[in-house]
Amino acid sequence: MDAAAAASFEATFGKGIVYTGPIQDWLASDRVPDSVDIVVGGPPCQGFSLLGKRDENDERNKLWQQYAETLVRVKPKYFVVENVAAFFKSPQFELFKAQFEQGEKLADYAFDPMVLNAADFGAAQARKRAVLIGYRKELGSPGAPIRTHSPDGSDGTKRYATVGAKLRDVPKTPDRDDLFLEKTHKRNGATFPGAFSPRDLHWSRRYEEQSLQRFQAIPRRGNRFDLPDDLKAECWKDHTSGSGDVMGRLWSSRPSVTIRTEFFKPEKGRYLHPTEHRAITHYEAALLQGFRGSHRFVGSKSAIARQIGNAVPIPLGRAIAAQLLPHL
């Protein structure tokens, strides 16, 4: 269990509403309600993500079983599963889907699978997610959320939100370093840095001189391919094709790429500021994810980065919730 994420949730939404422990222990406890209106979950995706090496034996891949058991126990009217788009091609999805067949424990339910792009719902970020919206068969499908944004604003939609518009009012120079040392937050006997508002997260980073030289050599909308040979890593010299996102600048005129957990490392993707010679800050990443000013973050800088990068973009989550709300 991510204790810092739990502390952030309570700091934002109130104390006493988070169970900090394995879901297996929760299912074995007396905390499980008899019925609820809706269950929302995202079983960890690291075991079958397209990023990095996939491991079919990763224990986290089995957490869908506890999610399915939760549905059996609490009998919701509706449920939502969110994951990486690759989830639909995974063995785990096939096993999960089999639980809904006639005679199986979730046979009274059905679901609509869909891949949704956060940019289509107002996020300043192009991020595709696999989403299942499930329902009791007697209630019928609540349907899929209808996109509100598009690249050109056609068909009655708005134009995509852009990085430039989202970051327009952010100070160019990070200016909140002192706050990280000043604030502390206690939960369950543990002390964490925080709680921080999104604006508090505008922290700087120290870079090696060579890194700064690389940033300065990369033009707007550029990437590692724009570097002179003397500033290229040896491994880059041998790979003249492939991902252009590495050491790339975000485009001001477009939604950002997917904000992952290591967005503060330019070597991990297109995470350089559109015009400044640095990576985007935690504050800027939180804005691109759509976090409101009322949200509170607790934990180390890396823990908060994980919370930001692992989150469903807020506009996408809001669109799914709005689709379900009239049916509750």
Protein backbone atom coordinates (compact mmCIF):
# COMPACT_ATOMS: atom_id res chain seq x y z
CA MET A 1 0.00 0.00 0.00
CA ASP A 2 1.26 3.48 -0.86
CA ALA A 3 1.10 5.22 2.52
CA ALA A 4 1.91 8.62 1.02
CA ALA A 5 -0.92 8.30 -1.52
CA ALA A 6 -3.32 7.34 1.27
CA ALA A 7 -2.19 10.38 3.26
CA SER A 8 -2.75 12.60 0.22
CA PHE A 9 -6.26 11.23 -0.24
CA GLU A 10 -7.16 11.90 3.38
CA ALA A 11 -5.58 15.36 3.32
CA THR A 12 -7.80 16.17 0.34
CA PHE A 13 -11.07 14.42 1.14
CA GLY A 14 -11.08 13.90 4.92
CA LYS A 15 -9.79 11.52 7.57
CA GLY A 16 -11.00 8.02 8.34
CA ILE A 17 -12.02 7.06 4.80
CA VAL A 18 -8.93 5.17 3.61
CA TYR A 19 -8.03 1.57 4.45
CA THR A 20 -4.24 1.32 4.32
CA GLY A 21 -3.44 -2.32 3.70
CA PRO A 22 -3.65 -5.22 1.24
CA ILE A 23 -7.04 -5.70 -0.38
CA GLN A 24 -6.85 -9.37 0.60
CA ASP A 25 -6.86 -8.32 4.27
CA TRP A 26 -9.72 -5.89 3.66
CA LEU A 27 -11.82 -8.62 2.05
CA ALA A 28 -11.17 -10.84 5.07
CA SER A 29 -12.18 -8.10 7.54
CA ASP A 30 -15.55 -6.90 8.80
CA ARG A 31 -15.17 -3.62 6.88
CA VAL A 32 -16.74 -4.91 3.65
CA PRO A 33 -20.22 -3.35 3.17
CA ASP A 34 -23.17 -5.48 2.11
CA SER A 35 -23.98 -3.30 -0.89
CA VAL A 36 -22.83 -0.12 -2.63
CA ASP A 37 -23.90 1.87 -5.67
CA ILE A 38 -20.59 1.76 -7.52
CA VAL A 39 -17.09 0.29 -7.35
CA VAL A 40 -14.22 2.05 -9.12
CA GLY A 41 -10.78 0.51 -9.39
CA GLY A 42 -7.61 0.20 -11.40
CA PRO A 43 -5.72 -3.04 -10.73
CA PRO A 44 -1.98 -2.31 -11.11
CA CYS A 45 -0.84 -2.36 -14.70
CA GLN A 46 2.95 -2.64 -14.38
CA GLY A 47 2.92 -6.35 -15.12
CA PHE A 48 1.46 -5.90 -18.61
CA SER A 49 2.21 -2.29 -19.49
CA LEU A 50 3.77 -1.68 -22.90
CA LEU A 51 6.45 0.34 -21.14
CA GLY A 52 9.45 -1.62 -19.99
CA LYS A 53 9.70 -5.38 -19.68
CA ARG A 54 6.41 -7.14 -19.16
CA ASP A 55 6.22 -10.00 -16.68
CA GLU A 56 3.26 -12.34 -17.02
CA ASN A 57 4.07 -13.80 -13.59
CA ASP A 58 4.03 -10.43 -11.83
CA GLU A 59 1.93 -10.90 -8.68
CA ARG A 60 0.26 -7.55 -9.31
CA ASN A 61 -1.38 -9.07 -12.37
CA LYS A 62 -3.54 -11.19 -10.05
CA LEU A 63 -5.12 -8.25 -8.25
CA TRP A 64 -7.97 -8.29 -10.76
CA GLN A 65 -9.13 -11.39 -8.86
CA GLN A 66 -9.58 -9.36 -5.67
CA TYR A 67 -11.38 -6.70 -7.68
CA ALA A 68 -13.77 -9.35 -9.03
CA GLU A 69 -14.25 -10.72 -5.51
CA THR A 70 -15.11 -7.21 -4.32
CA LEU A 71 -17.85 -7.01 -6.95
CA VAL A 72 -19.26 -10.34 -5.77
CA ARG A 73 -19.23 -9.23 -2.13
CA VAL A 74 -20.64 -5.70 -2.35
CA LYS A 75 -23.04 -6.18 -5.29
CA PRO A 76 -22.74 -2.71 -6.86
CA LYS A 77 -25.19 -1.34 -9.39
CA TYR A 78 -22.28 -0.24 -11.56
CA PHE A 79 -18.52 -0.61 -11.65
CA VAL A 80 -15.57 0.94 -13.46
CA VAL A 81 -12.20 -0.61 -14.25
CA GLU A 82 -9.41 1.63 -15.56
CA ASN A 83 -6.06 0.49 -16.91
CA VAL A 84 -3.50 0.90 -19.67
CA ALA A 85 -4.84 0.34 -23.19
CA ALA A 86 -2.73 -2.84 -23.41
CA PHE A 87 -4.97 -4.38 -20.73
CA PHE A 88 -7.44 -5.47 -23.41
CA LYS A 89 -4.73 -7.61 -25.03
CA SER A 90 -3.58 -9.23 -21.80
CA PRO A 91 -4.31 -12.74 -20.49
CA GLN A 92 -5.63 -11.09 -17.33
CA PHE A 93 -8.41 -9.37 -19.27
CA GLU A 94 -9.45 -12.69 -20.81
CA LEU A 95 -9.57 -14.28 -17.36
CA PHE A 96 -11.52 -11.33 -15.98
CA LYS A 97 -13.97 -11.46 -18.90
CA ALA A 98 -14.58 -15.16 -18.26
CA GLN A 99 -16.05 -14.31 -14.83
CA PHE A 100 -19.08 -12.81 -16.59
CA GLU A 101 -20.05 -15.91 -18.55
CA GLN A 102 -23.21 -17.88 -17.78
CA GLY A 103 -22.84 -19.86 -14.58
CA GLU A 104 -19.88 -17.81 -13.33
CA LYS A 105 -19.92 -15.62 -10.23
CA LEU A 106 -20.42 -12.33 -12.13
CA ALA A 107 -22.96 -13.65 -14.64
CA ASP A 108 -25.52 -11.06 -13.50
CA TYR A 109 -23.28 -8.29 -14.80
CA ALA A 110 -22.15 -7.07 -18.21
CA PHE A 111 -19.72 -4.36 -19.23
CA ASP A 112 -18.84 -2.07 -22.11
CA PRO A 113 -15.11 -1.97 -22.96
CA MET A 114 -13.70 1.22 -24.44
CA VAL A 115 -10.41 3.04 -24.99
CA LEU A 116 -10.72 6.70 -24.03
CA ASN A 117 -8.26 9.51 -24.73
CA ALA A 118 -8.07 12.09 -21.94
CA ALA A 119 -7.54 14.86 -24.51
CA ASP A 120 -11.03 14.14 -25.89
CA PHE A 121 -12.50 15.22 -22.55
CA GLY A 122 -10.59 18.44 -21.92
CA ALA A 123 -7.27 17.29 -20.48
CA ALA A 124 -4.19 19.04 -21.83
CA GLN A 125 -2.70 15.58 -22.27
CA ALA A 126 -2.99 12.82 -24.86
CA ARG A 127 -3.38 9.73 -22.70
CA LYS A 128 -5.30 6.64 -23.80
CA ARG A 129 -6.76 4.37 -21.14
CA ALA A 130 -8.70 1.12 -21.20
CA VAL A 131 -12.00 1.60 -19.39
CA LEU A 132 -14.71 -0.91 -18.55
CA ILE A 133 -18.08 0.46 -17.48
CA GLY A 134 -20.00 -2.42 -15.94
CA TYR A 135 -23.61 -2.73 -14.85
CA ARG A 136 -26.19 -5.16 -13.54
CA LYS A 137 -27.93 -6.60 -16.55
CA GLU A 138 -31.40 -5.61 -15.31
CA LEU A 139 -30.28 -1.96 -15.11
CA GLY A 140 -28.91 -1.75 -18.64
CA SER A 141 -25.82 0.01 -19.91
CA PRO A 142 -25.27 3.64 -18.89
CA GLY A 143 -23.37 4.15 -22.16
CA ALA A 144 -19.99 5.68 -22.87
CA PRO A 145 -19.02 9.31 -22.27
CA ILE A 146 -19.17 11.44 -25.42
CA ARG A 147 -16.06 13.40 -26.25
CA THR A 148 -16.20 17.14 -25.79
CA HIS A 149 -12.90 18.08 -27.47
CA SER A 150 -11.11 17.26 -30.73
CA PRO A 151 -7.94 18.36 -32.53
CA ASP A 152 -9.75 20.86 -34.77
CA GLY A 153 -12.88 21.58 -32.74
CA SER A 154 -15.17 19.96 -35.31
CA ASP A 155 -18.63 18.40 -34.83
CA GLY A 156 -19.59 20.80 -32.09
CA THR A 157 -16.58 20.02 -29.90
CA LYS A 158 -13.99 22.36 -28.46
CA ARG A 159 -10.39 22.36 -29.62
CA TYR A 160 -7.95 20.29 -27.63
CA ALA A 161 -6.55 21.98 -24.53
CA THR A 162 -2.85 22.72 -25.03
CA VAL A 163 0.30 22.74 -22.94
CA GLY A 164 0.83 26.42 -23.68
CA ALA A 165 -2.61 27.44 -22.45
CA LYS A 166 -2.41 25.26 -19.35
CA LEU A 167 1.03 26.57 -18.32
CA ARG A 168 0.50 30.19 -19.41
CA ASP A 169 0.30 31.64 -15.89
CA VAL A 170 2.99 29.46 -14.30
CA PRO A 171 6.19 31.32 -13.28
CA LYS A 172 9.01 30.40 -15.65
CA THR A 173 11.40 29.92 -12.73
CA PRO A 174 10.47 27.40 -10.00
CA ASP A 175 9.88 29.31 -6.78
CA ARG A 176 8.67 26.94 -4.06
CA ASP A 177 11.80 25.01 -2.99
CA ASP A 178 11.71 26.27 0.61
CA LEU A 179 8.20 24.93 1.22
CA PHE A 180 9.28 21.32 0.87
CA LEU A 181 11.33 21.58 4.06
CA GLU A 182 8.81 23.68 5.96
CA LYS A 183 5.66 21.55 5.82
CA THR A 184 5.06 18.21 7.57
CA HIS A 185 2.00 15.98 7.76
CA LYS A 186 1.29 13.20 10.27
CA ARG A 187 -0.76 10.09 9.63
CA ASN A 188 -0.93 6.84 11.60
CA GLY A 189 2.18 7.75 13.57
CA ALA A 190 4.26 8.50 10.47
CA THR A 191 5.50 11.94 9.41
CA PHE A 192 5.56 12.95 5.75
CA PRO A 193 6.47 16.12 3.87
CA GLY A 194 3.29 18.08 3.10
CA ALA A 195 0.50 18.66 2.71
CA PHE A 196 1.16 20.67 -0.45
CA SER A 197 -1.19 22.39 -2.84
CA PRO A 198 -0.39 21.96 -6.54
CA ARG A 199 1.09 25.48 -6.57
CA ASP A 200 3.45 24.46 -3.75
CA LEU A 201 4.99 21.84 -6.06
CA HIS A 202 6.83 24.30 -8.32
CA TRP A 203 10.22 22.90 -7.29
CA SER A 204 13.53 23.23 -9.08
CA ARG A 205 16.04 20.49 -9.83
CA ARG A 206 19.80 20.49 -9.95
CA TYR A 207 21.22 19.45 -13.30
CA GLU A 208 24.70 18.45 -14.38
CA GLU A 209 26.42 20.95 -16.67
CA GLN A 210 26.22 18.54 -19.60
CA SER A 211 22.46 18.21 -19.10
CA LEU A 212 22.05 21.99 -19.16
CA GLN A 213 24.09 22.17 -22.36
CA ARG A 214 21.82 19.57 -23.93
CA PHE A 215 18.66 21.41 -22.90
CA GLN A 216 20.00 24.66 -24.36
CA ALA A 217 20.82 22.93 -27.64
CA ILE A 218 17.34 21.48 -28.13
CA PRO A 219 15.03 23.89 -30.02
CA ARG A 220 11.30 24.32 -29.56
CA ARG A 221 9.47 21.08 -30.44
CA GLY A 222 12.90 19.39 -30.71
CA ASN A 223 14.39 16.27 -29.16
CA ARG A 224 17.64 14.30 -28.87
CA PHE A 225 18.00 14.08 -32.65
CA ASP A 226 18.66 17.83 -32.69
CA LEU A 227 21.74 17.55 -30.48
CA PRO A 228 25.24 17.93 -31.94
CA ASP A 229 27.31 14.75 -31.78
CA ASP A 230 29.46 16.00 -28.92
CA LEU A 231 26.35 16.29 -26.71
CA LYS A 232 24.80 12.96 -27.66
CA ALA A 233 25.11 9.96 -25.35
CA GLU A 234 27.01 7.11 -26.98
CA CYS A 235 23.90 4.95 -27.07
CA TRP A 236 22.04 7.70 -28.95
CA LYS A 237 24.71 7.86 -31.64
CA ASP A 238 24.08 4.20 -32.46
CA HIS A 239 20.31 4.67 -32.65
CA THR A 240 19.39 7.21 -35.29
CA SER A 241 15.74 6.19 -35.35
CA GLY A 242 13.19 5.25 -32.73
CA SER A 243 11.40 7.35 -30.15
CA GLY A 244 11.70 11.08 -30.64
CA ASP A 245 10.27 11.69 -27.20
CA VAL A 246 13.54 11.09 -25.35
CA MET A 247 14.99 14.45 -24.28
CA GLY A 248 12.16 16.13 -26.15
CA ARG A 249 10.37 19.41 -25.57
CA LEU A 250 6.64 19.53 -25.06
CA TRP A 251 4.80 21.37 -27.83
CA SER A 252 3.01 24.51 -26.63
CA SER A 253 0.38 24.09 -29.35
CA ARG A 254 -0.60 20.51 -28.49
CA PRO A 255 -1.71 18.42 -25.53
CA SER A 256 1.22 16.89 -23.70
CA VAL A 257 2.37 13.32 -24.06
CA THR A 258 1.36 10.92 -21.28
CA ILE A 259 2.57 12.22 -17.92
CA ARG A 260 4.31 9.26 -16.32
CA THR A 261 5.86 8.87 -12.88
CA GLU A 262 9.32 10.10 -13.91
CA PHE A 263 8.25 13.21 -15.79
CA PHE A 264 10.99 15.18 -13.98
CA LYS A 265 13.65 13.25 -15.93
CA PRO A 266 13.97 14.51 -19.54
CA GLU A 267 15.83 11.34 -20.52
CA LYS A 268 12.61 9.40 -19.82
CA GLY A 269 10.46 11.13 -22.42
CA ARG A 270 9.19 14.39 -23.89
CA TYR A 271 9.25 16.23 -20.60
CA LEU A 272 11.34 19.33 -21.29
CA HIS A 273 9.48 22.60 -20.81
CA PRO A 274 8.39 24.07 -24.17
CA THR A 275 10.75 27.05 -23.83
CA GLU A 276 12.68 26.83 -20.55
CA HIS A 277 15.88 24.80 -20.21
CA ARG A 278 14.56 22.33 -17.64
CA ALA A 279 12.10 19.52 -17.17
CA ILE A 280 8.55 20.33 -16.21
CA THR A 281 8.03 20.69 -12.47
CA HIS A 282 5.69 18.68 -10.27
CA TYR A 283 3.30 21.66 -10.36
CA GLU A 284 3.27 21.75 -14.15
CA ALA A 285 2.75 17.99 -14.36
CA ALA A 286 -0.15 18.25 -11.90
CA LEU A 287 -1.73 20.96 -14.06
CA LEU A 288 -1.39 18.82 -17.18
CA GLN A 289 -3.12 16.01 -15.28
CA GLY A 290 -5.92 18.42 -14.39
CA PHE A 291 -5.56 18.52 -10.60
CA ARG A 292 -7.54 21.32 -8.98
CA GLY A 293 -6.00 23.83 -6.61
CA SER A 294 -7.87 22.24 -3.69
CA HIS A 295 -6.03 18.92 -4.04
CA ARG A 296 -3.35 18.17 -1.46
CA PHE A 297 -0.21 16.10 -1.95
CA VAL A 298 1.73 14.34 0.81
CA GLY A 299 5.07 12.52 0.58
CA SER A 300 8.59 12.76 -0.77
CA LYS A 301 9.18 14.37 -4.15
CA SER A 302 9.40 10.96 -5.83
CA ALA A 303 6.28 9.73 -4.00
CA ILE A 304 4.31 12.77 -5.14
CA ALA A 305 5.59 12.27 -8.69
CA ARG A 306 4.20 8.73 -8.58
CA GLN A 307 0.84 10.03 -7.40
CA ILE A 308 0.73 12.54 -10.23
CA GLY A 309 1.91 10.14 -12.94
CA ASN A 310 -0.26 7.21 -11.85
CA ALA A 311 -3.45 9.27 -11.65
CA VAL A 312 -6.25 9.15 -14.17
CA PRO A 313 -6.38 12.63 -15.73
CA ILE A 314 -9.05 14.49 -13.78
CA PRO A 315 -11.12 15.58 -16.83
CA LEU A 316 -11.33 11.95 -17.98
CA GLY A 317 -12.39 10.74 -14.54
CA ARG A 318 -14.96 13.53 -14.38
CA ALA A 319 -16.42 12.53 -17.75
CA ILE A 320 -16.84 8.91 -16.64
CA ALA A 321 -18.43 10.02 -13.36
CA ALA A 322 -20.81 12.38 -15.18
CA GLN A 323 -21.91 9.51 -17.42
CA LEU A 324 -22.79 7.35 -14.42
CA LEU A 325 -24.25 9.96 -12.07
CA PRO A 326 -27.77 10.15 -13.61
CA HIS A 327 -28.12 6.38 -13.16
CA LEU A 328 -27.32 6.30 -9.44
